[in-house]
PDB file of N, CA and C in Angstrom:
ATOM      1  N   MET A   1       0.968  -1.375   0.176  1.00  0.00           N
ATOM      2  CA  MET A   1      -0.111  -0.068   0.118  1.00  0.00           C
ATOM      3  C   MET A   1       0.881   1.373  -0.260  1.00  0.00           C
ATOM      4  N   LEU A   2       0.220   2.309  -1.161  1.00  0.00           N
ATOM      5  CA  LEU A   2       1.634   3.626  -1.183  1.00  0.00           C
ATOM      6  C   LEU A   2       0.701   4.485  -0.064  1.00  0.00           C
ATOM      7  N   ARG A   3       1.516   5.228   0.648  1.00  0.00           N
ATOM      8  CA  ARG A   3       1.054   6.288   1.126  1.00  0.00           C
ATOM      9  C   ARG A   3       2.058   7.305   0.818  1.00  0.00           C
ATOM     10  N   THR A   4       1.103   8.948   1.071  1.00  0.00           N
ATOM     11  CA  THR A   4       1.873   9.499   0.687  1.00  0.00           C
ATOM     12  C   THR A   4       2.229  10.697   2.185  1.00  0.00           C
ATOM     13  N   GLY A   5       2.886  11.432   2.180  1.00  0.00           N
ATOM     14  CA  GLY A   5       3.498  12.134   3.427  1.00  0.00           C
ATOM     15  C   GLY A   5       1.880  12.553   4.457  1.00  0.00           C
ATOM     16  N   PRO A   6       2.645  13.951   4.646  1.00  0.00           N
ATOM     17  CA  PRO A   6       1.561  14.870   5.723  1.00  0.00           C
ATOM     18  C   PRO A   6       0.200  14.803   5.558  1.00  0.00           C
ATOM     19  N   VAL A   7      -1.029  15.525   5.819  1.00  0.00           N
ATOM     20  CA  VAL A   7      -1.490  15.894   4.811  1.00  0.00           C
ATOM     21  C   VAL A   7      -2.186  17.580   5.241  1.00  0.00           C
ATOM     22  N   HIS A   8      -2.203  18.281   4.124  1.00  0.00           N
ATOM     23  CA  HIS A   8      -2.271  20.073   4.232  1.00  0.00           C
ATOM     24  C   HIS A   8      -3.425  19.789   3.739  1.00  0.00           C
ATOM     25  N   VAL A   9      -4.422  21.041   4.446  1.00  0.00           N
ATOM     26  CA  VAL A   9      -5.567  21.086   4.311  1.00  0.00           C
ATOM     27  C   VAL A   9      -5.580  22.842   3.731  1.00  0.00           C
ATOM     28  N   ARG A  10      -5.882  22.842   2.542  1.00  0.00           N
ATOM     29  CA  ARG A  10      -5.646  24.196   2.126  1.00  0.00           C
ATOM     30  C   ARG A  10      -7.317  25.034   1.963  1.00  0.00           C
ATOM     31  N   HIS A  11      -7.372  26.041   2.117  1.00  0.00           N
ATOM     32  CA  HIS A  11      -8.451  26.614   1.677  1.00  0.00           C
ATOM     33  C   HIS A  11      -8.076  27.530   1.299  1.00  0.00           C
ATOM     34  N   THR A  12      -8.138  27.436   0.135  1.00  0.00           N
ATOM     35  CA  THR A  12      -8.664  28.482  -1.448  1.00  0.00           C
ATOM     36  C   THR A  12      -8.719  28.102  -2.155  1.00  0.00           C
ATOM     37  N   ALA A  13      -8.765  28.493  -3.214  1.00  0.00           N
ATOM     38  CA  ALA A  13     -10.054  27.319  -4.877  1.00  0.00           C
ATOM     39  C   ALA A  13      -9.078  28.125  -5.586  1.00  0.00           C
ATOM     40  N   LEU A  14      -7.191  28.277  -5.270  1.00  0.00           N
ATOM     41  CA  LEU A  14      -6.639  28.403  -6.496  1.00  0.00           C
ATOM     42  C   LEU A  14      -5.745  27.059  -6.398  1.00  0.00           C
ATOM     43  N   PRO A  15      -5.389  27.220  -7.709  1.00  0.00           N
ATOM     44  CA  PRO A  15      -5.028  25.872  -8.232  1.00  0.00           C
ATOM     45  C   PRO A  15      -3.349  25.684  -7.885  1.00  0.00           C
ATOM     46  N   VAL A  16      -3.243  24.662  -6.785  1.00  0.00           N
ATOM     47  CA  VAL A  16      -1.952  24.873  -6.475  1.00  0.00           C
ATOM     48  C   VAL A  16      -0.483  24.230  -7.656  1.00  0.00           C
ATOM     49  N   PRO A  17       0.374  24.822  -7.574  1.00  0.00           N
ATOM     50  CA  PRO A  17       1.344  24.676  -9.214  1.00  0.00           C
ATOM     51  C   PRO A  17       1.963  22.718  -8.356  1.00  0.00           C
ATOM     52  N   LEU A  18       1.738  22.205  -9.114  1.00  0.00           N
ATOM     53  CA  LEU A  18       2.220  21.321  -9.228  1.00  0.00           C
ATOM     54  C   LEU A  18       3.709  20.616 -10.038  1.00  0.00           C
ATOM     55  N   ILE A  19       5.041  20.085  -9.638  1.00  0.00           N
ATOM     56  CA  ILE A  19       5.780  20.266 -10.479  1.00  0.00           C
ATOM     57  C   ILE A  19       5.871  18.364 -10.449  1.00  0.00           C
ATOM     58  N   ASP A  20       6.239  17.940 -11.754  1.00  0.00           N
ATOM     59  CA  ASP A  20       6.814  16.285 -11.903  1.00  0.00           C
ATOM     60  C   ASP A  20       8.164  16.278 -11.326  1.00  0.00           C
ATOM     61  N   VAL A  21       8.537  14.942 -10.409  1.00  0.00           N
ATOM     62  CA  VAL A  21       9.663  13.832  -9.925  1.00  0.00           C
ATOM     63  C   VAL A  21      10.974  13.770 -10.992  1.00  0.00           C
ATOM     64  N   CYS A  22       9.302  12.115 -10.341  1.00  0.00           N
ATOM     65  CA  CYS A  22       9.678  11.193 -11.893  1.00  0.00           C
ATOM     66  C   CYS A  22       8.645  10.251 -11.836  1.00  0.00           C
ATOM     67  N   PRO A  23       8.943   9.485 -12.379  1.00  0.00           N
ATOM     68  CA  PRO A  23       7.990   8.138 -12.396  1.00  0.00           C
ATOM     69  C   PRO A  23       7.954   6.792 -11.148  1.00  0.00           C
ATOM     70  N   LEU A  24       6.664   7.199 -10.613  1.00  0.00           N
ATOM     71  CA  LEU A  24       6.624   6.092  -9.066  1.00  0.00           C
ATOM     72  C   LEU A  24       7.384   5.015  -9.373  1.00  0.00           C
ATOM     73  N   ASN A  25       7.446   4.118 -10.073  1.00  0.00           N
ATOM     74  CA  ASN A  25       8.335   3.369 -10.321  1.00  0.00           C
ATOM     75  C   ASN A  25       9.900   2.921 -10.038  1.00  0.00           C
ATOM     76  N   ASP A  26      10.254   4.610 -10.599  1.00  0.00           N
ATOM     77  CA  ASP A  26      11.792   4.911 -10.319  1.00  0.00           C
ATOM     78  C   ASP A  26      11.977   5.209  -9.170  1.00  0.00           C
ATOM     79  N   LEU A  27      11.470   5.279  -7.677  1.00  0.00           N
ATOM     80  CA  LEU A  27      11.519   4.827  -6.579  1.00  0.00           C
ATOM     81  C   LEU A  27      11.040   4.358  -5.911  1.00  0.00           C
ATOM     82  N   PRO A  28      11.955   3.244  -5.857  1.00  0.00           N
ATOM     83  CA  PRO A  28      11.977   1.993  -4.887  1.00  0.00           C
ATOM     84  C   PRO A  28      11.888   2.156  -3.404  1.00  0.00           C
ATOM     85  N   SER A  29      11.853   1.231  -2.602  1.00  0.00           N
ATOM     86  CA  SER A  29      11.881   1.425  -1.003  1.00  0.00           C
ATOM     87  C   SER A  29      12.869   1.868  -0.522  1.00  0.00           C
ATOM     88  N   GLY A  30      13.392   2.964   0.155  1.00  0.00           N
ATOM     89  CA  GLY A  30      14.927   3.334  -0.074  1.00  0.00           C
ATOM     90  C   GLY A  30      15.428   4.236  -0.709  1.00  0.00           C
ATOM     91  N   GLY A  31      14.744   4.397  -1.488  1.00  0.00           N
ATOM     92  CA  GLY A  31      15.369   5.285  -2.912  1.00  0.00           C
ATOM     93  C   GLY A  31      15.379   6.826  -2.331  1.00  0.00           C
ATOM     94  N   ARG A  32      15.729   7.446  -3.379  1.00  0.00           N
ATOM     95  CA  ARG A  32      15.835   9.426  -3.510  1.00  0.00           C
ATOM     96  C   ARG A  32      15.833   9.905  -4.201  1.00  0.00           C
ATOM     97  N   VAL A  33      15.455  10.853  -4.601  1.00  0.00           N
ATOM     98  CA  VAL A  33      15.818  11.595  -5.972  1.00  0.00           C
ATOM     99  C   VAL A  33      15.925  13.407  -5.492  1.00  0.00           C
ATOM    100  N   THR A  34      16.689  13.659  -6.407  1.00  0.00           N
ATOM    101  CA  THR A  34      17.030  15.698  -5.248  1.00  0.00           C
ATOM    102  C   THR A  34      16.424  15.908  -7.251  1.00  0.00           C
ATOM    103  N   LEU A  35      15.765  16.951  -6.746  1.00  0.00           N
ATOM    104  CA  LEU A  35      15.665  18.520  -7.690  1.00  0.00           C
ATOM    105  C   LEU A  35      15.821  19.414  -7.002  1.00  0.00           C
ATOM    106  N   GLU A  36      15.520  20.735  -8.222  1.00  0.00           N
ATOM    107  CA  GLU A  36      15.606  22.025  -7.378  1.00  0.00           C
ATOM    108  C   GLU A  36      14.849  22.113  -7.518  1.00  0.00           C
ATOM    109  N   HIS A  37      14.290  23.525  -7.246  1.00  0.00           N
ATOM    110  CA  HIS A  37      12.884  24.094  -7.812  1.00  0.00           C
ATOM    111  C   HIS A  37      12.989  25.349  -7.215  1.00  0.00           C
ATOM    112  N   ASP A  38      12.957  26.654  -7.889  1.00  0.00           N
ATOM    113  CA  ASP A  38      13.513  28.234  -7.664  1.00  0.00           C
ATOM    114  C   ASP A  38      14.175  28.575  -6.432  1.00  0.00           C
ATOM    115  N   ASP A  39      16.001  27.569  -6.809  1.00  0.00           N
ATOM    116  CA  ASP A  39      16.606  28.111  -5.574  1.00  0.00           C
ATOM    117  C   ASP A  39      16.286  27.105  -4.667  1.00  0.00           C
ATOM    118  N   VAL A  40      15.697  26.277  -4.287  1.00  0.00           N
ATOM    119  CA  VAL A  40      15.498  25.025  -3.551  1.00  0.00           C
ATOM    120  C   VAL A  40      15.527  23.837  -3.843  1.00  0.00           C
ATOM    121  N   GLU A  41      16.815  23.016  -3.275  1.00  0.00           N
ATOM    122  CA  GLU A  41      16.681  21.862  -3.491  1.00  0.00           C
ATOM    123  C   GLU A  41      16.116  20.891  -2.272  1.00  0.00           C
ATOM    124  N   ILE A  42      16.398  19.964  -3.058  1.00  0.00           N
ATOM    125  CA  ILE A  42      15.026  19.308  -2.706  1.00  0.00           C
ATOM    126  C   ILE A  42      15.009  17.602  -2.200  1.00  0.00           C
ATOM    127  N   VAL A  43      15.065  16.914  -1.147  1.00  0.00           N
ATOM    128  CA  VAL A  43      15.238  15.912  -1.845  1.00  0.00           C
ATOM    129  C   VAL A  43      13.441  15.006  -1.629  1.00  0.00           C
ATOM    130  N   VAL A  44      13.440  13.710  -2.292  1.00  0.00           N
ATOM    131  CA  VAL A  44      11.665  12.884  -2.861  1.00  0.00           C
ATOM    132  C   VAL A  44      12.264  11.585  -1.903  1.00  0.00           C
ATOM    133  N   VAL A  45      11.908  11.330  -0.699  1.00  0.00           N
ATOM    134  CA  VAL A  45      11.767   9.855  -0.449  1.00  0.00           C
ATOM    135  C   VAL A  45      11.111   8.870  -0.420  1.00  0.00           C
ATOM    136  N   ASN A  46      11.478   7.487  -0.342  1.00  0.00           N
ATOM    137  CA  ASN A  46      10.660   6.833  -0.445  1.00  0.00           C
ATOM    138  C   ASN A  46      10.911   5.915   0.616  1.00  0.00           C
ATOM    139  N   CYS A  47       9.697   5.918   1.657  1.00  0.00           N
ATOM    140  CA  CYS A  47      10.001   5.731   3.158  1.00  0.00           C
ATOM    141  C   CYS A  47       9.239   4.151   3.372  1.00  0.00           C
ATOM    142  N   GLY A  48       9.740   2.765   2.923  1.00  0.00           N
ATOM    143  CA  GLY A  48       8.828   2.019   3.262  1.00  0.00           C
ATOM    144  C   GLY A  48       7.375   1.982   2.601  1.00  0.00           C
ATOM    145  N   GLY A  49       6.909   3.002   1.113  1.00  0.00           N
ATOM    146  CA  GLY A  49       5.980   3.213   0.667  1.00  0.00           C
ATOM    147  C   GLY A  49       5.512   4.157   0.827  1.00  0.00           C
ATOM    148  N   GLU A  50       5.913   5.295   1.707  1.00  0.00           N
ATOM    149  CA  GLU A  50       5.583   6.463   1.529  1.00  0.00           C
ATOM    150  C   GLU A  50       6.658   7.753   1.309  1.00  0.00           C
ATOM    151  N   ILE A  51       6.248   8.658   0.364  1.00  0.00           N
ATOM    152  CA  ILE A  51       7.001   9.296  -0.472  1.00  0.00           C
ATOM    153  C   ILE A  51       6.697  10.549   0.215  1.00  0.00           C
ATOM    154  N   LEU A  52       7.972  11.080   0.584  1.00  0.00           N
ATOM    155  CA  LEU A  52       8.347  12.703   1.542  1.00  0.00           C
ATOM    156  C   LEU A  52       9.160  12.852   0.403  1.00  0.00           C
ATOM    157  N   ALA A  53       8.805  14.602   1.126  1.00  0.00           N
ATOM    158  CA  ALA A  53       9.688  15.537   0.516  1.00  0.00           C
ATOM    159  C   ALA A  53      10.068  16.259   1.481  1.00  0.00           C
ATOM    160  N   MET A  54      11.654  16.787   1.338  1.00  0.00           N
ATOM    161  CA  MET A  54      12.150  18.060   2.324  1.00  0.00           C
ATOM    162  C   MET A  54      13.331  18.530   1.791  1.00  0.00           C
ATOM    163  N   GLU A  55      13.235  19.853   2.379  1.00  0.00           N
ATOM    164  CA  GLU A  55      14.479  20.498   2.096  1.00  0.00           C
ATOM    165  C   GLU A  55      16.151  19.429   2.071  1.00  0.00           C
ATOM    166  N   ASP A  56      16.568  19.641   0.732  1.00  0.00           N
ATOM    167  CA  ASP A  56      17.973  18.932   0.836  1.00  0.00           C
ATOM    168  C   ASP A  56      18.780  19.935   1.548  1.00  0.00           C
ATOM    169  N   ARG A  57      18.837  19.939   3.083  1.00  0.00           N
ATOM    170  CA  ARG A  57      19.950  20.780   3.559  1.00  0.00           C
ATOM    171  C   ARG A  57      19.660  20.425   4.946  1.00  0.00           C
ATOM    172  N   CYS A  58      20.300  20.595   5.752  1.00  0.00           N
ATOM    173  CA  CYS A  58      20.657  20.605   7.395  1.00  0.00           C
ATOM    174  C   CYS A  58      20.448  21.755   7.600  1.00  0.00           C
ATOM    175  N   SER A  59      20.093  22.159   8.530  1.00  0.00           N
ATOM    176  CA  SER A  59      19.188  23.331   9.467  1.00  0.00           C
ATOM    177  C   SER A  59      20.587  24.090  10.151  1.00  0.00           C
ATOM    178  N   HIS A  60      21.769  22.988  10.364  1.00  0.00           N
ATOM    179  CA  HIS A  60      22.435  23.126  11.133  1.00  0.00           C
ATOM    180  C   HIS A  60      23.973  23.866  10.271  1.00  0.00           C
ATOM    181  N   ASP A  61      23.834  23.689   9.386  1.00  0.00           N
ATOM    182  CA  ASP A  61      25.323  24.198   8.285  1.00  0.00           C
ATOM    183  C   ASP A  61      25.004  23.568   7.160  1.00  0.00           C
ATOM    184  N   ASP A  62      24.192  23.495   6.394  1.00  0.00           N
ATOM    185  CA  ASP A  62      23.263  23.636   4.979  1.00  0.00           C
ATOM    186  C   ASP A  62      24.367  22.093   4.165  1.00  0.00           C
ATOM    187  N   GLY A  63      24.165  20.980   5.026  1.00  0.00           N
ATOM    188  CA  GLY A  63      25.034  20.312   3.931  1.00  0.00           C
ATOM    189  C   GLY A  63      24.016  19.462   3.476  1.00  0.00           C
ATOM    190  N   ASP A  64      24.251  18.437   2.594  1.00  0.00           N
ATOM    191  CA  ASP A  64      23.513  17.859   2.076  1.00  0.00           C
ATOM    192  C   ASP A  64      22.624  16.793   2.853  1.00  0.00           C
ATOM    193  N   MET A  65      21.166  16.921   2.515  1.00  0.00           N
ATOM    194  CA  MET A  65      20.858  15.650   3.953  1.00  0.00           C
ATOM    195  C   MET A  65      20.578  14.228   3.270  1.00  0.00           C
ATOM    196  N   SER A  66      20.387  14.718   1.346  1.00  0.00           N
ATOM    197  CA  SER A  66      20.418  13.130   0.446  1.00  0.00           C
ATOM    198  C   SER A  66      20.937  12.342   0.831  1.00  0.00           C
ATOM    199  N   ASP A  67      22.841  13.035   0.924  1.00  0.00           N
ATOM    200  CA  ASP A  67      24.034  12.407   1.274  1.00  0.00           C
ATOM    201  C   ASP A  67      23.899  11.150   2.317  1.00  0.00           C
ATOM    202  N   GLY A  68      22.917  11.525   3.356  1.00  0.00           N
ATOM    203  CA  GLY A  68      22.398  10.754   4.641  1.00  0.00           C
ATOM    204  C   GLY A  68      22.360   9.787   5.102  1.00  0.00           C
ATOM    205  N   GLU A  69      21.841   8.946   5.990  1.00  0.00           N
ATOM    206  CA  GLU A  69      21.692   7.750   5.934  1.00  0.00           C
ATOM    207  C   GLU A  69      20.217   7.537   6.172  1.00  0.00           C
ATOM    208  N   LEU A  70      19.414   7.261   5.744  1.00  0.00           N
ATOM    209  CA  LEU A  70      17.979   6.722   5.551  1.00  0.00           C
ATOM    210  C   LEU A  70      17.928   5.551   6.426  1.00  0.00           C
ATOM    211  N   ASP A  71      16.245   6.243   7.491  1.00  0.00           N
ATOM    212  CA  ASP A  71      16.224   5.221   8.220  1.00  0.00           C
ATOM    213  C   ASP A  71      14.413   5.024   7.461  1.00  0.00           C
ATOM    214  N   THR A  72      14.498   4.114   7.091  1.00  0.00           N
ATOM    215  CA  THR A  72      12.954   3.568   6.084  1.00  0.00           C
ATOM    216  C   THR A  72      11.908   3.261   7.640  1.00  0.00           C
ATOM    217  N   ALA A  73      12.404   2.799   8.785  1.00  0.00           N
ATOM    218  CA  ALA A  73      11.606   2.472   9.956  1.00  0.00           C
ATOM    219  C   ALA A  73      10.655   3.557  10.366  1.00  0.00           C
ATOM    220  N   ALA A  74      11.816   4.427  10.687  1.00  0.00           N
ATOM    221  CA  ALA A  74      11.884   5.965  11.918  1.00  0.00           C
ATOM    222  C   ALA A  74      11.486   6.491  10.323  1.00  0.00           C
ATOM    223  N   CYS A  75      11.564   6.426   9.382  1.00  0.00           N
ATOM    224  CA  CYS A  75      11.445   7.757   8.205  1.00  0.00           C
ATOM    225  C   CYS A  75      12.084   8.957   8.645  1.00  0.00           C
ATOM    226  N   THR A  76      13.358   8.628   8.677  1.00  0.00           N
ATOM    227  CA  THR A  76      14.433   9.469   9.386  1.00  0.00           C
ATOM    228  C   THR A  76      15.523   9.675   8.435  1.00  0.00           C
ATOM    229  N   ILE A  77      16.247  10.885   8.322  1.00  0.00           N
ATOM    230  CA  ILE A  77      17.341  11.059   7.753  1.00  0.00           C
ATOM    231  C   ILE A  77      18.663  11.522   7.982  1.00  0.00           C
ATOM    232  N   GLU A  78      19.797  11.031   8.539  1.00  0.00           N
ATOM    233  CA  GLU A  78      20.961  11.722   9.415  1.00  0.00           C
ATOM    234  C   GLU A  78      21.819  12.489   8.020  1.00  0.00           C
ATOM    235  N   CYS A  79      22.305  12.983   8.847  1.00  0.00           N
ATOM    236  CA  CYS A  79      22.751  14.905   8.179  1.00  0.00           C
ATOM    237  C   CYS A  79      24.544  13.372   8.126  1.00  0.00           C
ATOM    238  N   PRO A  80      25.134  14.265   6.873  1.00  0.00           N
ATOM    239  CA  PRO A  80      26.801  13.324   7.021  1.00  0.00           C
ATOM    240  C   PRO A  80      27.823  14.213   7.543  1.00  0.00           C
ATOM    241  N   ARG A  81      27.327  15.748   7.572  1.00  0.00           N
ATOM    242  CA  ARG A  81      28.258  16.204   8.575  1.00  0.00           C
ATOM    243  C   ARG A  81      28.163  16.246   9.770  1.00  0.00           C
ATOM    244  N   HIS A  82      27.141  16.250  10.705  1.00  0.00           N
ATOM    245  CA  HIS A  82      27.476  15.972  11.905  1.00  0.00           C
ATOM    246  C   HIS A  82      26.570  15.622  12.846  1.00  0.00           C
ATOM    247  N   GLY A  83      26.080  14.728  11.913  1.00  0.00           N
ATOM    248  CA  GLY A  83      24.721  13.785  12.495  1.00  0.00           C
ATOM    249  C   GLY A  83      23.255  13.648  12.902  1.00  0.00           C
ATOM    250  N   SER A  84      22.920  15.213  12.965  1.00  0.00           N
ATOM    251  CA  SER A  84      21.435  15.322  13.178  1.00  0.00           C
ATOM    252  C   SER A  84      20.497  14.888  12.303  1.00  0.00           C
ATOM    253  N   VAL A  85      19.968  13.668  13.455  1.00  0.00           N
ATOM    254  CA  VAL A  85      19.003  13.010  12.256  1.00  0.00           C
ATOM    255  C   VAL A  85      17.023  13.883  12.108  1.00  0.00           C
ATOM    256  N   PHE A  86      16.806  13.448  11.208  1.00  0.00           N
ATOM    257  CA  PHE A  86      15.314  14.527  10.364  1.00  0.00           C
ATOM    258  C   PHE A  86      13.980  13.512  10.299  1.00  0.00           C
ATOM    259  N   ASP A  87      12.881  13.678  11.426  1.00  0.00           N
ATOM    260  CA  ASP A  87      12.192  13.407  10.493  1.00  0.00           C
ATOM    261  C   ASP A  87      12.064  13.952   9.436  1.00  0.00           C
ATOM    262  N   LEU A  88      11.793  13.241   8.571  1.00  0.00           N
ATOM    263  CA  LEU A  88      11.272  13.545   7.360  1.00  0.00           C
ATOM    264  C   LEU A  88       9.455  13.645   6.759  1.00  0.00           C
ATOM    265  N   ARG A  89       8.732  13.116   7.564  1.00  0.00           N
ATOM    266  CA  ARG A  89       6.991  13.920   7.588  1.00  0.00           C
ATOM    267  C   ARG A  89       7.325  14.937   8.015  1.00  0.00           C
ATOM    268  N   THR A  90       8.349  15.815   9.343  1.00  0.00           N
ATOM    269  CA  THR A  90       7.420  16.888   9.870  1.00  0.00           C
ATOM    270  C   THR A  90       8.946  18.708   9.379  1.00  0.00           C
ATOM    271  N   GLY A  91      10.363  17.014   9.355  1.00  0.00           N
ATOM    272  CA  GLY A  91      11.364  18.460   8.984  1.00  0.00           C
ATOM    273  C   GLY A  91      11.866  18.799  10.465  1.00  0.00           C
ATOM    274  N   ARG A  92      11.442  18.292  11.288  1.00  0.00           N
ATOM    275  CA  ARG A  92      12.044  18.728  12.459  1.00  0.00           C
ATOM    276  C   ARG A  92      13.520  17.404  12.683  1.00  0.00           C
ATOM    277  N   PRO A  93      14.472  18.555  13.496  1.00  0.00           N
ATOM    278  CA  PRO A  93      15.534  17.131  13.931  1.00  0.00           C
ATOM    279  C   PRO A  93      14.700  16.495  15.168  1.00  0.00           C
ATOM    280  N   LYS A  94      15.510  15.600  15.178  1.00  0.00           N
ATOM    281  CA  LYS A  94      14.947  14.818  15.933  1.00  0.00           C
ATOM    282  C   LYS A  94      17.089  14.713  16.957  1.00  0.00           C
ATOM    283  N   THR A  95      17.686  15.143  16.608  1.00  0.00           N
ATOM    284  CA  THR A  95      18.499  15.124  17.905  1.00  0.00           C
ATOM    285  C   THR A  95      19.582  16.597  17.490  1.00  0.00           C
ATOM    286  N   LEU A  96      20.911  16.802  18.270  1.00  0.00           N
ATOM    287  CA  LEU A  96      21.319  17.799  17.967  1.00  0.00           C
ATOM    288  C   LEU A  96      22.556  17.371  17.113  1.00  0.00           C
ATOM    289  N   PRO A  97      23.240  18.466  16.426  1.00  0.00           N
ATOM    290  CA  PRO A  97      23.362  19.714  16.748  1.00  0.00           C
ATOM    291  C   PRO A  97      21.805  21.033  16.709  1.00  0.00           C
ATOM    292  N   ALA A  98      21.626  20.057  15.431  1.00  0.00           N
ATOM    293  CA  ALA A  98      20.451  20.924  14.758  1.00  0.00           C
ATOM    294  C   ALA A  98      18.988  21.121  15.300  1.00  0.00           C
ATOM    295  N   TYR A  99      18.400  22.439  15.006  1.00  0.00           N
ATOM    296  CA  TYR A  99      17.727  22.320  16.680  1.00  0.00           C
ATOM    297  C   TYR A  99      15.775  23.451  15.316  1.00  0.00           C
ATOM    298  N   GLN A 100      16.972  23.547  14.357  1.00  0.00           N
ATOM    299  CA  GLN A 100      15.739  24.520  13.794  1.00  0.00           C
ATOM    300  C   GLN A 100      15.188  23.303  12.226  1.00  0.00           C
ATOM    301  N   PRO A 101      13.643  23.259  12.102  1.00  0.00           N
ATOM    302  CA  PRO A 101      13.697  22.730  10.931  1.00  0.00           C
ATOM    303  C   PRO A 101      13.221  22.621  10.169  1.00  0.00           C
ATOM    304  N   VAL A 102      13.630  22.096   8.976  1.00  0.00           N
ATOM    305  CA  VAL A 102      13.831  22.215   7.620  1.00  0.00           C
ATOM    306  C   VAL A 102      12.249  22.394   6.767  1.00  0.00           C
ATOM    307  N   ASP A 103      11.763  22.675   5.843  1.00  0.00           N
ATOM    308  CA  ASP A 103      10.340  22.743   5.098  1.00  0.00           C
ATOM    309  C   ASP A 103      10.145  21.327   4.639  1.00  0.00           C
ATOM    310  N   THR A 104       9.343  20.689   4.957  1.00  0.00           N
ATOM    311  CA  THR A 104       8.578  20.006   3.974  1.00  0.00           C
ATOM    312  C   THR A 104       7.493  20.499   2.820  1.00  0.00           C
ATOM    313  N   PHE A 105       7.418  19.380   1.763  1.00  0.00           N
ATOM    314  CA  PHE A 105       6.669  19.269   0.843  1.00  0.00           C
ATOM    315  C   PHE A 105       5.254  18.374   0.500  1.00  0.00           C
ATOM    316  N   PRO A 106       4.184  18.770   0.161  1.00  0.00           N
ATOM    317  CA  PRO A 106       3.023  17.858   0.203  1.00  0.00           C
ATOM    318  C   PRO A 106       3.653  17.176  -0.767  1.00  0.00           C
ATOM    319  N   VAL A 107       3.433  16.193  -0.912  1.00  0.00           N
ATOM    320  CA  VAL A 107       3.885  14.896  -2.585  1.00  0.00           C
ATOM    321  C   VAL A 107       2.129  14.735  -2.141  1.00  0.00           C
ATOM    322  N   VAL A 108       2.465  14.354  -4.167  1.00  0.00           N
ATOM    323  CA  VAL A 108       1.015  14.160  -4.893  1.00  0.00           C
ATOM    324  C   VAL A 108       1.639  12.789  -5.526  1.00  0.00           C
ATOM    325  N   ILE A 109       0.527  12.070  -6.124  1.00  0.00           N
ATOM    326  CA  ILE A 109       0.627  10.352  -6.991  1.00  0.00           C
ATOM    327  C   ILE A 109      -0.569  10.727  -8.056  1.00  0.00           C
ATOM    328  N   ASP A 110       0.227  11.012  -8.782  1.00  0.00           N
ATOM    329  CA  ASP A 110      -1.083  11.726 -10.143  1.00  0.00           C
ATOM    330  C   ASP A 110      -0.547  10.646 -11.108  1.00  0.00           C
ATOM    331  N   GLY A 111      -1.995   9.437 -11.070  1.00  0.00           N
ATOM    332  CA  GLY A 111      -1.391   8.391 -12.060  1.00  0.00           C
ATOM    333  C   GLY A 111      -0.463   7.532 -11.218  1.00  0.00           C
ATOM    334  N   ASP A 112       0.814   7.523 -12.138  1.00  0.00           N
ATOM    335  CA  ASP A 112       2.827   6.777 -12.252  1.00  0.00           C
ATOM    336  C   ASP A 112       3.286   7.648 -12.086  1.00  0.00           C
ATOM    337  N   THR A 113       3.213   9.393 -11.924  1.00  0.00           N
ATOM    338  CA  THR A 113       3.766   9.943 -11.361  1.00  0.00           C
ATOM    339  C   THR A 113       3.838  10.758 -10.332  1.00  0.00           C
ATOM    340  N   ILE A 114       5.081  10.591  -9.719  1.00  0.00           N
ATOM    341  CA  ILE A 114       5.340  11.701  -8.212  1.00  0.00           C
ATOM    342  C   ILE A 114       5.320  13.133  -8.602  1.00  0.00           C
ATOM    343  N   LYS A 115       4.596  13.770  -7.804  1.00  0.00           N
ATOM    344  CA  LYS A 115       4.402  15.219  -8.140  1.00  0.00           C
ATOM    345  C   LYS A 115       4.329  16.545  -6.611  1.00  0.00           C
ATOM    346  N   LEU A 116       5.465  17.174  -6.519  1.00  0.00           N
ATOM    347  CA  LEU A 116       5.588  18.123  -5.512  1.00  0.00           C
ATOM    348  C   LEU A 116       3.965  19.296  -5.666  1.00  0.00           C
ATOM    349  N   GLU A 117       3.344  19.758  -4.873  1.00  0.00           N
ATOM    350  CA  GLU A 117       2.442  21.227  -4.481  1.00  0.00           C
ATOM    351  C   GLU A 117       3.930  21.763  -3.959  1.00  0.00           C
ATOM    352  N   MET A 118       3.684  22.956  -4.548  1.00  0.00           N
ATOM    353  CA  MET A 118       5.026  24.174  -4.730  1.00  0.00           C
ATOM    354  C   MET A 118       3.918  25.126  -4.958  1.00  0.00           C
ATOM    355  N   ASP A 119       4.200  25.821  -3.556  1.00  0.00           N
ATOM    356  CA  ASP A 119       2.963  27.372  -3.725  1.00  0.00           C
ATOM    357  C   ASP A 119       3.912  28.179  -3.433  1.00  0.00           C
TER     358      ASP A 119
END
C-alpha cells in the first residue's frame, strides 16, 4: 500500500502548482531523488512506501541531507556532516546539533507520477 506524507489542508480555490518529480516505479523503497525548484534543493524519499519530500539541507550547516543515512523504519535521514537526524514527515530535527526544522513539501501521486505541491 502506497502512502504519501502529511496531509496539508488548503483553504483556497486557487489551483496549487504541481511539479513532476519522477515516475513512481523509479523510486523504490529506500530510494531518493533530488531536484531543484526556485533555488530550493529538495530530496524526495520512498520511506517504505510512504513518499516524502523535504529541503535537501541541514539547518545546522546547510549540508546535503540526500547524502545522509536513511532509516525507512523511522522515516528519518541523518546529516552526513554532524549526525543530526531529521524526521522526513515534519522536517524537525530529532537530535543535535541541529535545532531548527527544514521545510517539507506535500506529495501527490498522479497516475504513476510523483509530483510536489509548490505554493
